[in-house]
């Protein structure tokens, strides 16, 4: 066998190395392409079965005065005076809605009293009062209901009924001072009330 020269041996070694490197690169590229993605895709798909809708919150409001049906009504939280009047069947023909803030927001336990128009055109009651409020608007002693008159300081259900009985027997009051003619209402009570009432 003919002996290889030094030059031929070097060329053969280079050829073998080149072949080995080519094979390694080919195999490595195949392995890279077939390797799975180390960071799998996360799909954001939250379950909706755990979402429980919140129950609607309601408030209780007493609607009285010049409305068709005075009563306590359950209204959605955030309701305004207009909603309360509508729940009570609407205002009567003699209601003084100009004196009512229909846009006022209501609270639980609040009272809405729609005033009636008095002979002198003055509003007879405040449109709405909170349970803790001690402020009263002028209430008509000729047109006020039992509930309206009962809101006056010093006038309970018995004296309020006495005022209604007096009106039924003697007709409308001609002067505010005539309120002293009602049984159980003296001078002191009248002095406490005169700034809070109207005909």
N, C-alpha and C. Protein backbone atom coordinates (compact mmCIF):
# COMPACT_ATOMS: atom_id res chain seq x y z
N UNK A 1 0.87 -1.20 0.00
CA UNK A 1 0.00 0.00 0.00
C UNK A 1 0.90 1.23 0.00
N UNK A 2 0.51 2.16 -0.90
CA UNK A 2 1.35 3.36 -1.04
C UNK A 2 1.22 4.22 0.21
N UNK A 3 2.29 4.67 0.71
CA UNK A 3 2.30 5.47 1.93
C UNK A 3 1.86 6.90 1.64
N UNK A 4 0.94 7.42 2.51
CA UNK A 4 0.42 8.79 2.30
C UNK A 4 1.48 9.80 2.71
N UNK A 5 1.50 10.85 1.92
CA UNK A 5 2.43 11.92 2.27
C UNK A 5 1.85 12.75 3.42
N UNK A 6 2.74 13.54 4.00
CA UNK A 6 2.30 14.40 5.10
C UNK A 6 1.19 15.35 4.65
N UNK A 7 1.28 15.87 3.43
CA UNK A 7 0.28 16.80 2.91
C UNK A 7 -1.07 16.12 2.77
N UNK A 8 -1.07 14.89 2.29
CA UNK A 8 -2.31 14.16 2.09
C UNK A 8 -2.97 13.83 3.42
N UNK A 9 -2.16 13.55 4.42
CA UNK A 9 -2.70 13.26 5.77
C UNK A 9 -3.40 14.49 6.35
N UNK A 10 -2.79 15.66 6.17
CA UNK A 10 -3.39 16.90 6.70
C UNK A 10 -4.72 17.19 6.02
N UNK A 11 -4.74 17.01 4.67
CA UNK A 11 -5.98 17.24 3.93
C UNK A 11 -7.06 16.28 4.39
N UNK A 12 -6.71 15.02 4.64
CA UNK A 12 -7.68 14.03 5.08
C UNK A 12 -8.25 14.38 6.46
N UNK A 13 -7.41 14.84 7.34
CA UNK A 13 -7.86 15.24 8.70
C UNK A 13 -8.84 16.41 8.62
N UNK A 14 -8.49 17.39 7.78
CA UNK A 14 -9.38 18.56 7.63
C UNK A 14 -10.72 18.14 7.09
N UNK A 15 -10.72 17.19 6.12
CA UNK A 15 -11.97 16.71 5.52
C UNK A 15 -12.84 16.01 6.55
N UNK A 16 -12.19 15.19 7.38
CA UNK A 16 -12.96 14.47 8.43
C UNK A 16 -13.56 15.44 9.43
N UNK A 17 -12.76 16.43 9.83
CA UNK A 17 -13.27 17.44 10.79
C UNK A 17 -14.43 18.23 10.21
N UNK A 18 -14.29 18.60 8.94
CA UNK A 18 -15.36 19.37 8.29
C UNK A 18 -16.63 18.56 8.20
N UNK A 19 -16.49 17.25 7.88
CA UNK A 19 -17.66 16.37 7.80
C UNK A 19 -18.32 16.23 9.17
N UNK A 20 -17.50 16.12 10.21
CA UNK A 20 -18.06 15.99 11.57
C UNK A 20 -18.79 17.24 12.01
N UNK A 21 -18.23 18.40 11.69
CA UNK A 21 -18.88 19.66 12.07
C UNK A 21 -20.19 19.85 11.32
N UNK A 22 -20.20 19.48 10.05
CA UNK A 22 -21.44 19.61 9.26
C UNK A 22 -22.53 18.72 9.81
N UNK A 23 -22.16 17.50 10.14
CA UNK A 23 -23.16 16.57 10.71
C UNK A 23 -23.70 17.09 12.03
N UNK A 24 -22.81 17.64 12.85
CA UNK A 24 -23.25 18.17 14.16
C UNK A 24 -24.21 19.35 14.00
N UNK A 25 -23.90 20.22 13.07
CA UNK A 25 -24.79 21.38 12.85
C UNK A 25 -26.13 20.94 12.34
N UNK A 26 -26.14 19.93 11.45
CA UNK A 26 -27.41 19.44 10.90
C UNK A 26 -28.27 18.83 11.99
N UNK A 27 -27.66 18.00 12.80
CA UNK A 27 -28.42 17.34 13.89
C UNK A 27 -28.89 18.38 14.90
N UNK A 28 -28.04 19.35 15.22
CA UNK A 28 -28.44 20.38 16.19
C UNK A 28 -29.61 21.21 15.71
N UNK A 29 -29.59 21.54 14.41
CA UNK A 29 -30.70 22.34 13.88
C UNK A 29 -32.00 21.57 13.92
N UNK A 30 -31.95 20.25 13.67
CA UNK A 30 -33.15 19.42 13.73
C UNK A 30 -33.69 19.35 15.14
N UNK A 31 -32.77 19.19 16.08
CA UNK A 31 -33.22 19.14 17.48
C UNK A 31 -33.83 20.47 17.93
N UNK A 32 -33.29 21.60 17.50
CA UNK A 32 -33.80 22.92 17.88
C UNK A 32 -35.20 23.14 17.35
N UNK A 33 -35.40 22.67 16.06
CA UNK A 33 -36.72 22.87 15.46
C UNK A 33 -37.78 22.00 16.12
N UNK A 34 -37.38 20.81 16.58
CA UNK A 34 -38.37 19.90 17.14
C UNK A 34 -38.58 20.10 18.63
N UNK A 35 -37.75 20.94 19.30
CA UNK A 35 -37.89 21.13 20.75
C UNK A 35 -39.15 21.92 21.06
N UNK A 36 -39.91 21.52 22.09
CA UNK A 36 -41.13 22.25 22.46
C UNK A 36 -40.81 23.63 23.03
N UNK A 37 -41.75 24.53 22.92
CA UNK A 37 -41.61 25.87 23.46
C UNK A 37 -41.53 25.79 24.98
N UNK A 38 -40.41 26.25 25.57
CA UNK A 38 -40.28 26.13 27.04
C UNK A 38 -41.27 27.01 27.79
N UNK A 39 -41.89 28.00 27.15
CA UNK A 39 -42.85 28.90 27.80
C UNK A 39 -44.21 28.70 27.15
N UNK A 40 -45.00 27.79 27.64
CA UNK A 40 -46.31 27.56 27.03
C UNK A 40 -47.19 28.79 27.13
N UNK A 41 -48.07 28.98 26.17
CA UNK A 41 -48.95 30.14 26.12
C UNK A 41 -50.03 30.00 27.20
N UNK A 42 -50.20 31.06 27.95
CA UNK A 42 -51.21 31.08 29.01
C UNK A 42 -52.46 31.77 28.47
N UNK A 43 -53.57 31.07 28.49
CA UNK A 43 -54.82 31.62 27.99
C UNK A 43 -55.63 32.14 29.17
N UNK A 44 -55.92 33.42 29.15
CA UNK A 44 -56.69 34.04 30.22
C UNK A 44 -58.17 33.81 29.97
N UNK A 45 -58.72 32.83 30.63
CA UNK A 45 -60.12 32.49 30.43
C UNK A 45 -60.78 32.25 31.79
N UNK A 46 -60.99 33.34 32.57
CA UNK A 46 -61.53 33.17 33.93
C UNK A 46 -62.94 32.62 33.87
N UNK A 47 -63.25 31.80 34.83
CA UNK A 47 -64.59 31.22 34.90
C UNK A 47 -65.58 32.25 35.40
N UNK A 48 -66.72 32.31 34.77
CA UNK A 48 -67.77 33.26 35.18
C UNK A 48 -68.75 32.65 36.15
N UNK A 49 -68.53 31.37 36.49
CA UNK A 49 -69.49 30.71 37.38
C UNK A 49 -69.40 31.23 38.80
N UNK A 50 -68.23 31.84 39.18
CA UNK A 50 -68.06 32.32 40.55
C UNK A 50 -68.56 33.74 40.74
N UNK A 51 -68.97 34.41 39.67
CA UNK A 51 -69.44 35.79 39.76
C UNK A 51 -70.90 35.80 40.19
N UNK A 52 -71.17 36.37 41.36
CA UNK A 52 -72.54 36.42 41.89
C UNK A 52 -73.03 37.86 41.81
N UNK A 53 -74.11 38.15 41.09
CA UNK A 53 -74.60 39.52 41.01
C UNK A 53 -75.06 40.03 42.37
N UNK A 54 -74.72 41.29 42.65
CA UNK A 54 -75.10 41.89 43.93
C UNK A 54 -76.60 42.13 43.98
N UNK A 55 -77.17 41.86 45.13
CA UNK A 55 -78.61 42.06 45.30
C UNK A 55 -78.91 43.57 45.33
N UNK A 56 -79.96 44.03 44.65
CA UNK A 56 -80.30 45.45 44.67
C UNK A 56 -80.65 45.93 46.07
N UNK A 57 -80.17 47.11 46.41
CA UNK A 57 -80.43 47.69 47.73
C UNK A 57 -81.63 48.61 47.64
N UNK A 58 -82.55 48.49 48.60
CA UNK A 58 -83.74 49.33 48.59
C UNK A 58 -83.80 50.15 49.87
N UNK A 59 -84.55 51.26 49.82
CA UNK A 59 -84.77 52.11 50.98
C UNK A 59 -86.27 52.25 51.19
N UNK A 60 -86.67 52.50 52.42
CA UNK A 60 -88.07 52.70 52.76
C UNK A 60 -88.34 54.18 52.97
N UNK A 61 -89.34 54.70 52.25
CA UNK A 61 -89.67 56.12 52.30
C UNK A 61 -91.16 56.28 52.55
N UNK A 62 -91.51 57.13 53.52
CA UNK A 62 -92.92 57.42 53.80
C UNK A 62 -93.34 58.62 52.98
N UNK A 63 -94.32 58.42 52.11
CA UNK A 63 -94.81 59.48 51.23
C UNK A 63 -96.21 59.87 51.69
N UNK A 64 -96.41 61.14 51.97
CA UNK A 64 -97.70 61.61 52.46
C UNK A 64 -97.98 63.01 51.93
N UNK A 65 -99.09 63.59 52.36
CA UNK A 65 -99.45 64.92 51.88
C UNK A 65 -100.35 64.84 50.67
N UNK A 66 -100.12 65.74 49.72
CA UNK A 66 -100.98 65.85 48.54
C UNK A 66 -100.58 64.84 47.47
N UNK A 67 -100.70 63.55 47.82
CA UNK A 67 -100.47 62.46 46.87
C UNK A 67 -101.69 61.55 46.89
N UNK A 68 -101.81 60.70 45.88
CA UNK A 68 -103.01 59.86 45.78
C UNK A 68 -103.03 58.75 46.82
N UNK A 69 -101.87 58.19 47.14
CA UNK A 69 -101.85 57.06 48.07
C UNK A 69 -100.70 57.23 49.06
N UNK A 70 -101.01 57.77 50.24
CA UNK A 70 -99.98 57.93 51.27
C UNK A 70 -99.65 56.57 51.87
N UNK A 71 -98.36 56.23 51.90
CA UNK A 71 -97.92 54.94 52.44
C UNK A 71 -96.40 54.92 52.48
N UNK A 72 -95.89 53.84 53.05
CA UNK A 72 -94.44 53.60 53.04
C UNK A 72 -94.11 52.78 51.80
N UNK A 73 -93.15 53.24 51.02
CA UNK A 73 -92.78 52.58 49.77
C UNK A 73 -91.32 52.18 49.80
N UNK A 74 -91.04 51.00 49.25
CA UNK A 74 -89.66 50.53 49.08
C UNK A 74 -89.18 50.98 47.71
N UNK A 75 -88.13 51.79 47.70
CA UNK A 75 -87.60 52.35 46.45
C UNK A 75 -86.13 51.94 46.31
N UNK A 76 -85.64 51.87 45.08
CA UNK A 76 -84.22 51.54 44.88
C UNK A 76 -83.32 52.61 45.49
N UNK A 77 -82.19 52.18 46.01
CA UNK A 77 -81.22 53.13 46.56
C UNK A 77 -80.80 54.11 45.47
N UNK A 78 -80.73 55.39 45.83
CA UNK A 78 -80.40 56.42 44.85
C UNK A 78 -81.63 57.10 44.28
N UNK A 79 -82.83 56.70 44.74
CA UNK A 79 -84.06 57.33 44.25
C UNK A 79 -84.14 58.78 44.71
N UNK A 80 -84.92 59.57 43.98
CA UNK A 80 -85.11 60.97 44.32
C UNK A 80 -86.58 61.21 44.67
N UNK A 81 -86.90 62.41 45.13
CA UNK A 81 -88.25 62.73 45.57
C UNK A 81 -89.27 62.48 44.47
N UNK A 82 -88.91 62.77 43.23
CA UNK A 82 -89.83 62.53 42.11
C UNK A 82 -90.25 61.07 42.04
N UNK A 83 -89.31 60.16 42.30
CA UNK A 83 -89.62 58.73 42.28
C UNK A 83 -90.60 58.37 43.39
N UNK A 84 -90.44 59.00 44.56
CA UNK A 84 -91.32 58.72 45.68
C UNK A 84 -92.75 59.18 45.39
N UNK A 85 -92.87 60.37 44.80
CA UNK A 85 -94.20 60.89 44.45
C UNK A 85 -94.86 59.99 43.42
N UNK A 86 -94.09 59.53 42.45
CA UNK A 86 -94.64 58.65 41.42
C UNK A 86 -95.10 57.33 42.03
N UNK A 87 -94.33 56.80 43.01
CA UNK A 87 -94.70 55.55 43.66
C UNK A 87 -96.01 55.68 44.42
N UNK A 88 -96.29 56.88 44.91
CA UNK A 88 -97.52 57.12 45.66
C UNK A 88 -98.70 57.44 44.74
N UNK A 89 -98.57 57.20 43.47
CA UNK A 89 -99.66 57.43 42.53
C UNK A 89 -99.67 58.81 41.91
N UNK A 90 -98.66 59.63 42.25
CA UNK A 90 -98.60 60.98 41.71
C UNK A 90 -99.22 62.00 42.65
N UNK A 91 -99.06 63.26 42.32
CA UNK A 91 -99.57 64.34 43.15
C UNK A 91 -101.04 64.60 42.84
N UNK A 92 -101.76 65.15 43.82
CA UNK A 92 -103.16 65.52 43.63
C UNK A 92 -103.23 66.86 42.91
N UNK A 93 -104.44 67.22 42.52
CA UNK A 93 -104.61 68.45 41.74
C UNK A 93 -104.28 69.71 42.54
N UNK A 94 -104.37 69.64 43.86
CA UNK A 94 -104.08 70.82 44.68
C UNK A 94 -102.66 70.80 45.25
N UNK A 95 -101.82 69.92 44.75
CA UNK A 95 -100.44 69.83 45.25
C UNK A 95 -99.62 71.04 44.81
N UNK A 96 -98.77 71.50 45.69
CA UNK A 96 -97.89 72.62 45.40
C UNK A 96 -96.49 72.07 45.08
N UNK A 97 -96.34 71.56 43.87
CA UNK A 97 -95.07 70.92 43.50
C UNK A 97 -93.94 71.91 43.33
N UNK A 98 -94.26 73.19 43.19
CA UNK A 98 -93.21 74.20 43.07
C UNK A 98 -92.38 74.25 44.35
N UNK A 99 -93.03 73.92 45.48
CA UNK A 99 -92.34 73.98 46.76
C UNK A 99 -91.56 72.70 47.07
N UNK A 100 -91.60 71.74 46.15
CA UNK A 100 -90.95 70.45 46.37
C UNK A 100 -89.69 70.35 45.52
N UNK A 101 -88.61 69.97 46.13
CA UNK A 101 -87.38 69.71 45.37
C UNK A 101 -87.44 68.28 44.85
N UNK A 102 -87.98 68.11 43.66
CA UNK A 102 -88.16 66.77 43.09
C UNK A 102 -86.86 66.06 42.80
N UNK A 103 -85.76 66.80 42.76
CA UNK A 103 -84.46 66.19 42.44
C UNK A 103 -83.67 65.78 43.68
N UNK A 104 -84.22 66.05 44.87
CA UNK A 104 -83.49 65.72 46.10
C UNK A 104 -83.38 64.21 46.26
N UNK A 105 -82.19 63.75 46.62
CA UNK A 105 -81.97 62.31 46.80
C UNK A 105 -82.49 61.88 48.16
N UNK A 106 -83.04 60.67 48.20
CA UNK A 106 -83.69 60.17 49.41
C UNK A 106 -82.77 59.23 50.18
N UNK A 107 -83.00 59.19 51.49
CA UNK A 107 -82.29 58.26 52.37
C UNK A 107 -83.30 57.29 52.98
N UNK A 108 -82.80 56.19 53.49
CA UNK A 108 -83.67 55.20 54.12
C UNK A 108 -84.33 55.80 55.36
N UNK A 109 -85.64 55.60 55.49
CA UNK A 109 -86.38 56.12 56.63
C UNK A 109 -86.83 57.56 56.49
N UNK A 110 -86.67 58.14 55.32
CA UNK A 110 -87.03 59.55 55.12
C UNK A 110 -88.52 59.70 54.86
N UNK A 111 -89.04 60.87 55.18
CA UNK A 111 -90.44 61.19 54.92
C UNK A 111 -90.54 62.28 53.86
N UNK A 112 -91.41 62.06 52.89
CA UNK A 112 -91.67 63.04 51.84
C UNK A 112 -93.12 63.49 51.99
N UNK A 113 -93.32 64.77 52.26
CA UNK A 113 -94.66 65.32 52.41
C UNK A 113 -94.87 66.37 51.33
N UNK A 114 -95.78 66.09 50.42
CA UNK A 114 -96.07 67.02 49.33
C UNK A 114 -97.06 68.07 49.84
N UNK A 115 -96.71 69.34 49.78
CA UNK A 115 -97.60 70.38 50.31
C UNK A 115 -98.78 70.66 49.39
N UNK A 116 -99.84 71.20 49.98
CA UNK A 116 -100.99 71.65 49.20
C UNK A 116 -100.95 73.16 49.11
N UNK A 117 -101.62 73.70 48.12
CA UNK A 117 -101.66 75.14 47.94
C UNK A 117 -102.67 75.74 48.92
N UNK A 118 -102.20 76.69 49.72
CA UNK A 118 -103.09 77.35 50.66
C UNK A 118 -103.74 78.57 50.00
N UNK A 119 -104.66 79.18 50.73
CA UNK A 119 -105.41 80.31 50.17
C UNK A 119 -104.51 81.48 49.81
N UNK A 120 -103.44 81.69 50.60
CA UNK A 120 -102.54 82.81 50.33
C UNK A 120 -101.38 82.42 49.42
N UNK A 121 -101.40 81.18 48.94
CA UNK A 121 -100.37 80.73 48.01
C UNK A 121 -99.10 80.25 48.66
N UNK A 122 -99.06 80.23 50.01
CA UNK A 122 -97.85 79.80 50.70
C UNK A 122 -97.79 78.28 50.75
N UNK A 123 -96.60 77.75 50.73
CA UNK A 123 -96.44 76.31 50.85
C UNK A 123 -96.77 75.91 52.28
N UNK A 124 -97.44 74.78 52.42
CA UNK A 124 -97.94 74.40 53.74
C UNK A 124 -97.01 73.48 54.50
N UNK A 125 -96.20 72.67 53.79
CA UNK A 125 -95.30 71.74 54.47
C UNK A 125 -94.01 71.62 53.70
N UNK A 126 -93.00 71.13 54.37
CA UNK A 126 -91.72 70.92 53.71
C UNK A 126 -91.82 69.68 52.84
N UNK A 127 -91.04 69.65 51.76
CA UNK A 127 -91.14 68.56 50.81
C UNK A 127 -90.60 67.25 51.34
N UNK A 128 -89.54 67.29 52.11
CA UNK A 128 -89.01 66.06 52.68
C UNK A 128 -88.21 66.39 53.92
N UNK A 129 -88.30 65.52 54.92
CA UNK A 129 -87.56 65.72 56.16
C UNK A 129 -86.97 64.40 56.57
N UNK A 130 -85.78 64.45 57.13
CA UNK A 130 -85.17 63.23 57.64
C UNK A 130 -85.74 62.96 59.02
N UNK A 131 -85.64 61.71 59.53
CA UNK A 131 -86.19 61.39 60.83
C UNK A 131 -85.62 62.22 61.96
N UNK A 132 -84.38 62.67 61.83
CA UNK A 132 -83.75 63.42 62.91
C UNK A 132 -83.96 64.92 62.78
N UNK A 133 -84.64 65.34 61.74
CA UNK A 133 -84.79 66.77 61.51
C UNK A 133 -85.84 67.36 62.44
N UNK A 134 -85.56 68.53 63.01
CA UNK A 134 -86.52 69.21 63.87
C UNK A 134 -87.02 70.49 63.20
N UNK A 135 -86.69 70.67 61.94
CA UNK A 135 -87.10 71.87 61.21
C UNK A 135 -88.44 71.61 60.54
N UNK A 136 -89.40 72.51 60.73
CA UNK A 136 -90.72 72.36 60.13
C UNK A 136 -91.00 73.56 59.23
N UNK A 137 -91.63 73.32 58.13
CA UNK A 137 -92.10 74.41 57.28
C UNK A 137 -93.50 74.77 57.75
N UNK A 138 -94.04 75.83 57.18
CA UNK A 138 -95.37 76.27 57.58
C UNK A 138 -96.41 75.26 57.13
N UNK A 139 -97.23 74.82 58.06
CA UNK A 139 -98.26 73.82 57.79
C UNK A 139 -99.63 74.50 57.86
N UNK A 140 -100.45 74.20 56.90
CA UNK A 140 -101.77 74.80 56.83
C UNK A 140 -102.69 74.17 57.87
N UNK A 141 -103.26 75.00 58.73
CA UNK A 141 -104.20 74.47 59.72
C UNK A 141 -105.58 74.26 59.10
N UNK A 142 -105.77 74.77 57.88
CA UNK A 142 -107.04 74.56 57.18
C UNK A 142 -106.99 73.38 56.21
N UNK A 143 -105.80 73.04 55.75
CA UNK A 143 -105.68 71.99 54.73
C UNK A 143 -104.82 70.82 55.18
N UNK A 144 -104.07 70.98 56.26
CA UNK A 144 -103.17 69.93 56.70
C UNK A 144 -103.91 68.66 57.12
N UNK A 145 -103.33 67.52 56.80
CA UNK A 145 -103.91 66.24 57.20
C UNK A 145 -103.51 65.93 58.64
N UNK A 146 -104.06 64.85 59.18
CA UNK A 146 -103.71 64.43 60.53
C UNK A 146 -102.20 64.21 60.64
N UNK A 147 -101.61 63.56 59.62
CA UNK A 147 -100.16 63.31 59.63
C UNK A 147 -99.37 64.61 59.55
N UNK A 148 -99.87 65.58 58.77
CA UNK A 148 -99.17 66.87 58.66
C UNK A 148 -99.18 67.62 59.99
N UNK A 149 -100.35 67.70 60.61
CA UNK A 149 -100.48 68.44 61.86
C UNK A 149 -99.71 67.76 62.99
N UNK A 150 -99.61 66.44 62.91
CA UNK A 150 -98.90 65.69 63.96
C UNK A 150 -97.42 65.98 63.95
N UNK A 151 -96.88 66.52 62.84
CA UNK A 151 -95.45 66.84 62.78
C UNK A 151 -95.11 68.12 63.52
N UNK A 152 -96.11 68.90 63.86
CA UNK A 152 -95.86 70.16 64.58
C UNK A 152 -95.43 69.87 66.02
N UNK A 153 -94.49 70.64 66.55
CA UNK A 153 -94.05 70.41 67.94
C UNK A 153 -95.18 70.70 68.92
N UNK A 154 -95.37 69.79 69.85
CA UNK A 154 -96.42 69.96 70.86
C UNK A 154 -97.79 69.50 70.42
N UNK A 155 -97.92 69.06 69.16
CA UNK A 155 -99.19 68.57 68.64
C UNK A 155 -99.05 67.07 68.36
N UNK A 156 -99.67 66.29 69.20
CA UNK A 156 -99.65 64.86 68.98
C UNK A 156 -100.88 64.44 68.19
N UNK A 157 -101.10 63.14 68.07
CA UNK A 157 -102.27 62.65 67.31
C UNK A 157 -103.60 63.15 67.87
N UNK A 158 -103.71 63.27 69.20
CA UNK A 158 -104.97 63.69 69.82
C UNK A 158 -105.29 65.15 69.48
N UNK A 159 -104.30 66.04 69.62
CA UNK A 159 -104.54 67.46 69.30
C UNK A 159 -104.72 67.66 67.80
N UNK A 160 -104.01 66.87 67.00
CA UNK A 160 -104.19 66.96 65.55
C UNK A 160 -105.62 66.58 65.17
N UNK A 161 -106.15 65.54 65.81
CA UNK A 161 -107.53 65.14 65.55
C UNK A 161 -108.49 66.21 66.04
N UNK A 162 -108.16 66.88 67.15
CA UNK A 162 -109.02 67.95 67.67
C UNK A 162 -109.10 69.11 66.67
N UNK A 163 -107.98 69.39 65.99
CA UNK A 163 -107.99 70.45 64.98
C UNK A 163 -108.90 70.05 63.82
N UNK A 164 -108.82 68.80 63.39
CA UNK A 164 -109.68 68.32 62.30
C UNK A 164 -111.15 68.37 62.71
N UNK A 165 -111.44 68.01 63.96
CA UNK A 165 -112.83 68.06 64.45
C UNK A 165 -113.34 69.50 64.49
N UNK A 166 -112.46 70.42 64.90
CA UNK A 166 -112.86 71.83 64.95
C UNK A 166 -113.19 72.33 63.54
N UNK A 167 -112.37 71.97 62.57
CA UNK A 167 -112.64 72.38 61.19
C UNK A 167 -113.95 71.80 60.69
N UNK A 168 -114.24 70.56 61.07
CA UNK A 168 -115.48 69.93 60.62
C UNK A 168 -116.71 70.61 61.23
N UNK A 169 -116.59 71.12 62.46
CA UNK A 169 -117.72 71.74 63.15
C UNK A 169 -117.89 73.22 62.82
N UNK A 170 -116.75 73.92 62.69
CA UNK A 170 -116.80 75.39 62.56
C UNK A 170 -116.33 75.89 61.20
N UNK A 171 -115.84 75.02 60.34
CA UNK A 171 -115.32 75.46 59.06
C UNK A 171 -113.86 75.88 59.16
N UNK A 172 -113.36 76.49 58.12
CA UNK A 172 -111.95 76.88 58.09
C UNK A 172 -111.65 77.97 59.10
N UNK A 173 -110.41 77.96 59.57
CA UNK A 173 -109.95 79.01 60.47
C UNK A 173 -109.88 80.33 59.70
N UNK A 174 -110.38 81.39 60.32
CA UNK A 174 -110.32 82.72 59.69
C UNK A 174 -109.01 83.43 60.03
N UNK A 175 -108.51 83.18 61.23
CA UNK A 175 -107.25 83.77 61.70
C UNK A 175 -106.42 82.68 62.36
N UNK A 176 -105.12 82.88 62.37
CA UNK A 176 -104.26 81.91 63.04
C UNK A 176 -104.57 81.84 64.52
N UNK A 177 -104.95 83.00 65.11
CA UNK A 177 -105.23 83.04 66.54
C UNK A 177 -106.41 82.14 66.93
N UNK A 178 -107.27 81.84 65.94
CA UNK A 178 -108.43 80.99 66.24
C UNK A 178 -108.02 79.57 66.61
N UNK A 179 -106.75 79.21 66.37
CA UNK A 179 -106.29 77.88 66.75
C UNK A 179 -106.39 77.68 68.25
N UNK A 180 -106.37 78.79 69.02
CA UNK A 180 -106.47 78.69 70.47
C UNK A 180 -107.86 78.25 70.92
N UNK A 181 -108.82 78.28 70.00
CA UNK A 181 -110.17 77.84 70.34
C UNK A 181 -110.29 76.31 70.34
N UNK A 182 -109.28 75.65 69.82
CA UNK A 182 -109.29 74.19 69.79
C UNK A 182 -108.97 73.66 71.18
N UNK A 183 -109.72 72.68 71.61
CA UNK A 183 -109.54 72.09 72.93
C UNK A 183 -108.14 71.51 73.06
N UNK A 184 -107.44 71.90 74.12
CA UNK A 184 -106.10 71.38 74.38
C UNK A 184 -104.99 72.27 73.85
N UNK A 185 -105.34 73.33 73.11
CA UNK A 185 -104.32 74.25 72.58
C UNK A 185 -104.52 75.61 73.23
N UNK A 186 -103.61 75.95 74.09
CA UNK A 186 -103.69 77.23 74.79
C UNK A 186 -102.77 78.27 74.18
N UNK A 187 -102.63 79.37 74.94
CA UNK A 187 -101.83 80.50 74.45
C UNK A 187 -100.37 80.11 74.26
N UNK A 188 -99.82 79.37 75.23
CA UNK A 188 -98.39 78.99 75.14
C UNK A 188 -98.14 78.11 73.91
N UNK A 189 -99.02 77.13 73.70
CA UNK A 189 -98.85 76.25 72.53
C UNK A 189 -98.97 77.05 71.24
N UNK A 190 -99.92 77.99 71.21
CA UNK A 190 -100.10 78.80 70.01
C UNK A 190 -98.86 79.65 69.74
N UNK A 191 -98.27 80.23 70.78
CA UNK A 191 -97.08 81.05 70.60
C UNK A 191 -95.92 80.23 70.04
N UNK A 192 -95.87 78.95 70.42
CA UNK A 192 -94.80 78.09 69.90
C UNK A 192 -95.05 77.69 68.45
N UNK A 193 -96.31 77.76 68.04
CA UNK A 193 -96.67 77.27 66.71
C UNK A 193 -96.87 78.35 65.65
N UNK A 194 -97.11 79.58 66.07
CA UNK A 194 -97.55 80.59 65.11
C UNK A 194 -96.57 80.87 63.98
N UNK A 195 -95.28 80.64 64.24
CA UNK A 195 -94.29 80.85 63.17
C UNK A 195 -94.18 79.63 62.26
N UNK A 196 -94.88 78.56 62.61
CA UNK A 196 -94.76 77.33 61.84
C UNK A 196 -96.04 76.98 61.07
N UNK A 197 -97.08 77.80 61.21
CA UNK A 197 -98.36 77.47 60.60
C UNK A 197 -98.83 78.60 59.70
N UNK A 198 -99.77 78.25 58.85
CA UNK A 198 -100.41 79.21 57.97
C UNK A 198 -101.85 78.78 57.78
N UNK A 199 -102.65 79.69 57.22
CA UNK A 199 -104.04 79.33 56.95
C UNK A 199 -104.10 78.42 55.72
